[in-house]
Amino acid sequence: MRINTNWFLCYKTLNNLFAGLSLGAIIAIYAPLDPKIFSIGGIILAIGSMLIALIYSKIINVKCFFFVTIAVEIIVFSAALLFLINPAAVYVAGAVYFCYQLTFLFGSYLVRSETLFLSEINTLTKLDSLKQIGYLIGLATSLIYYEISDAEKLIEIWRLHFAMIVAQTLTIVSALKAFESDAKNHAPQSITL
């Protein structure tokens, strides 16, 4: 398995566009949660991240990177979908928080892998620039949306989740295209009889 750099750059741009779209919504979704949950979640996140770091020698490879990347993106998609289904439920706020914490657990691993597998300076420059461009587009889009919307806060966030679902679907598709199997790379170009 190898990484298709162009598709990976597209994936990270869309990934950060989603992050920009979701920032304000996530803060509002978490509002009903007891503040102690954030401390407990942070402690679990720190311990979990340390445990994952202890197994880097086994999991920092392109195949694991692919599976963790796709799993994280599917979890994020599921959290957005869950909110669309039942936006007013307190348990949904807890479930969304849990989903995001689960994805943050692999944050350091994903960044380390990304840097190791896309190690050329020019590629890293493009990667970090495109991440910020995606993030800025997401933030600006959500800001404009909130400025022109006159709905109640929960309804605004619920409506924004439709755009988030589209963005996350595109993120997953581009992530799938960013990883190519070795069989595809070694397939014969033509067969002569």
Protein backbone atom coordinates (compact mmCIF):
# COMPACT_ATOMS: atom_id res chain seq x y z
CA MET A 1 0.00 0.00 0.00
CA ARG A 2 1.24 3.49 -0.80
CA ILE A 3 0.01 7.07 -0.47
CA ASN A 4 -1.15 9.02 -3.51
CA THR A 5 0.14 12.46 -2.54
CA ASN A 6 -2.30 14.51 -4.63
CA TRP A 7 -5.33 12.68 -3.22
CA PHE A 8 -3.87 12.90 0.29
CA LEU A 9 -3.53 16.67 -0.08
CA CYS A 10 -7.16 16.82 -1.25
CA TYR A 11 -8.19 14.64 1.70
CA LYS A 12 -6.46 16.86 4.28
CA THR A 13 -7.95 20.01 2.73
CA LEU A 14 -11.46 18.56 2.98
CA ASN A 15 -10.75 17.16 6.45
CA ASN A 16 -9.86 20.63 7.67
CA LEU A 17 -12.78 22.24 5.82
CA PHE A 18 -15.00 19.96 7.90
CA ALA A 19 -13.12 20.99 11.06
CA GLY A 20 -13.72 24.66 10.24
CA LEU A 21 -17.41 24.07 9.56
CA SER A 22 -17.86 22.12 12.78
CA LEU A 23 -15.96 24.27 15.29
CA GLY A 24 -18.79 26.55 16.41
CA ALA A 25 -21.33 23.74 16.21
CA ILE A 26 -19.30 21.42 18.42
CA ILE A 27 -18.93 24.01 21.16
CA ALA A 28 -22.70 24.55 21.18
CA ILE A 29 -23.45 20.81 21.09
CA TYR A 30 -21.28 20.26 24.17
CA ALA A 31 -23.12 22.96 26.16
CA PRO A 32 -25.43 20.56 28.11
CA LEU A 33 -22.50 18.45 29.34
CA ASP A 34 -21.20 18.69 32.90
CA PRO A 35 -17.75 20.38 32.87
CA LYS A 36 -16.31 17.41 34.83
CA ILE A 37 -16.81 15.30 31.68
CA PHE A 38 -14.20 17.40 29.86
CA SER A 39 -11.63 16.84 32.63
CA ILE A 40 -12.31 13.11 32.74
CA GLY A 41 -12.24 12.93 28.94
CA GLY A 42 -8.94 14.82 28.85
CA ILE A 43 -7.34 12.47 31.38
CA ILE A 44 -8.48 9.41 29.43
CA LEU A 45 -7.29 11.00 26.18
CA ALA A 46 -3.82 11.71 27.59
CA ILE A 47 -3.40 8.19 28.99
CA GLY A 48 -4.77 6.60 25.80
CA SER A 49 -2.46 8.68 23.60
CA MET A 50 0.55 7.62 25.70
CA LEU A 51 -0.45 3.96 25.34
CA ILE A 52 -0.77 4.34 21.58
CA ALA A 53 2.67 6.00 21.46
CA LEU A 54 4.12 2.90 23.15
CA ILE A 55 3.10 0.76 20.17
CA TYR A 56 4.28 3.10 17.40
CA SER A 57 6.88 0.54 16.31
CA LYS A 58 4.06 -1.84 15.45
CA ILE A 59 1.50 0.59 14.00
CA ILE A 60 3.46 3.23 12.11
CA ASN A 61 3.14 1.71 8.66
CA VAL A 62 1.05 2.71 5.67
CA LYS A 63 -1.51 -0.07 6.12
CA CYS A 64 -2.29 0.85 9.76
CA PHE A 65 -2.21 4.52 8.81
CA PHE A 66 -4.88 3.80 6.20
CA PHE A 67 -7.13 1.84 8.57
CA VAL A 68 -6.85 4.38 11.39
CA THR A 69 -7.47 7.27 8.97
CA ILE A 70 -10.64 5.67 7.58
CA ALA A 71 -11.86 4.61 11.04
CA VAL A 72 -11.41 8.15 12.38
CA GLU A 73 -13.29 9.66 9.43
CA ILE A 74 -16.15 7.17 9.77
CA ILE A 75 -16.43 7.96 13.49
CA VAL A 76 -16.63 11.69 12.70
CA PHE A 77 -19.28 11.01 10.04
CA SER A 78 -21.25 8.93 12.56
CA ALA A 79 -21.13 11.72 15.15
CA ALA A 80 -22.48 14.25 12.64
CA LEU A 81 -25.20 11.83 11.54
CA LEU A 82 -26.17 11.09 15.14
CA PHE A 83 -26.68 14.79 15.78
CA LEU A 84 -28.88 15.09 12.68
CA ILE A 85 -31.08 12.25 13.92
CA ASN A 86 -31.67 13.62 17.44
CA PRO A 87 -30.13 17.07 17.98
CA ALA A 88 -31.85 17.97 21.25
CA ALA A 89 -30.95 14.89 23.31
CA VAL A 90 -28.33 15.29 26.05
CA TYR A 91 -27.11 11.73 25.39
CA VAL A 92 -26.32 12.83 21.82
CA ALA A 93 -24.05 15.58 23.19
CA GLY A 94 -22.26 12.93 25.25
CA ALA A 95 -22.04 10.54 22.31
CA VAL A 96 -20.68 13.26 20.01
CA TYR A 97 -18.10 14.19 22.66
CA PHE A 98 -17.11 10.52 23.03
CA CYS A 99 -16.76 10.13 19.24
CA TYR A 100 -14.54 13.18 18.94
CA GLN A 101 -12.41 12.13 21.93
CA LEU A 102 -11.99 8.73 20.32
CA THR A 103 -10.69 10.37 17.14
CA PHE A 104 -8.39 12.72 19.11
CA LEU A 105 -6.89 9.64 20.75
CA PHE A 106 -5.20 8.90 17.42
CA GLY A 107 -4.28 12.52 16.66
CA SER A 108 -0.58 12.28 17.51
CA TYR A 109 -0.28 8.95 15.69
CA LEU A 110 -1.87 10.38 12.55
CA VAL A 111 0.35 13.49 12.57
CA ARG A 112 3.50 11.41 13.15
CA SER A 113 2.58 9.02 10.34
CA GLU A 114 1.70 11.85 8.01
CA THR A 115 5.07 13.49 8.59
CA LEU A 116 7.01 10.25 8.14
CA PHE A 117 5.20 9.13 4.98
CA LEU A 118 5.05 12.56 3.33
CA SER A 119 8.54 13.58 4.36
CA GLU A 120 9.52 15.83 1.44
CA ILE A 121 9.71 19.47 2.52
CA ASN A 122 7.69 20.72 -0.48
CA THR A 123 4.95 18.17 0.20
CA LEU A 124 4.78 19.11 3.89
CA THR A 125 4.62 22.80 2.93
CA LYS A 126 1.71 22.12 0.58
CA LEU A 127 0.05 19.88 3.16
CA ASP A 128 0.16 22.42 5.98
CA SER A 129 -0.87 25.27 3.67
CA LEU A 130 -3.83 23.33 2.25
CA LYS A 131 -4.91 22.29 5.75
CA GLN A 132 -5.11 25.94 6.76
CA ILE A 133 -6.89 26.91 3.54
CA GLY A 134 -9.49 24.19 4.14
CA TYR A 135 -9.88 25.27 7.76
CA LEU A 136 -10.28 28.94 6.80
CA ILE A 137 -12.88 28.11 4.13
CA GLY A 138 -14.84 26.04 6.68
CA LEU A 139 -14.65 28.77 9.33
CA ALA A 140 -15.61 31.53 6.86
CA THR A 141 -18.49 29.46 5.48
CA SER A 142 -19.89 28.77 8.94
CA LEU A 143 -19.42 32.42 9.96
CA ILE A 144 -21.31 33.64 6.89
CA TYR A 145 -24.00 31.03 7.49
CA TYR A 146 -24.47 32.09 11.13
CA GLU A 147 -24.56 35.76 10.09
CA ILE A 148 -27.35 35.28 7.53
CA SER A 149 -29.35 32.69 9.47
CA ASP A 150 -32.14 33.93 11.68
CA ALA A 151 -33.08 30.57 13.16
CA GLU A 152 -32.73 29.42 16.77
CA LYS A 153 -29.19 28.25 17.63
CA LEU A 154 -30.01 24.51 17.72
CA ILE A 155 -31.81 24.71 14.36
CA GLU A 156 -28.89 26.64 12.84
CA ILE A 157 -26.47 23.95 13.97
CA TRP A 158 -28.79 21.18 12.80
CA ARG A 159 -29.02 22.75 9.32
CA LEU A 160 -25.26 23.25 9.17
CA HIS A 161 -24.85 19.53 9.78
CA PHE A 162 -26.19 18.82 6.29
CA ALA A 163 -23.22 20.71 4.83
CA MET A 164 -20.97 18.90 7.31
CA ILE A 165 -22.29 15.52 6.15
CA VAL A 166 -21.53 16.43 2.53
CA ALA A 167 -18.04 17.65 3.48
CA GLN A 168 -17.36 14.53 5.52
CA THR A 169 -18.58 12.24 2.74
CA LEU A 170 -16.15 13.95 0.35
CA THR A 171 -13.45 13.65 3.02
CA ILE A 172 -13.97 9.88 3.29
CA VAL A 173 -13.99 9.42 -0.49
CA SER A 174 -10.76 11.40 -0.89
CA ALA A 175 -9.16 9.49 2.02
CA LEU A 176 -10.00 6.20 0.31
CA LYS A 177 -8.42 7.47 -2.92
CA ALA A 178 -5.34 8.71 -1.05
CA PHE A 179 -4.24 5.16 -0.30
CA GLU A 180 -3.44 2.83 -3.19
CA SER A 181 -2.87 -0.88 -2.96
CA ASP A 182 0.43 -2.35 -4.13
CA ALA A 183 -1.47 -4.65 -6.49
CA LYS A 184 -2.77 -1.59 -8.36
CA ASN A 185 0.76 -0.21 -8.70
CA HIS A 186 2.22 -3.46 -10.01
CA ALA A 187 -0.58 -4.42 -12.37
CA PRO A 188 0.60 -5.03 -15.92
CA GLN A 189 -0.09 -2.12 -18.24
CA SER A 190 -0.93 -4.38 -21.14
CA ILE A 191 -0.93 -8.05 -21.95
CA THR A 192 0.67 -9.32 -25.14
CA LEU A 193 -0.39 -12.65 -26.57
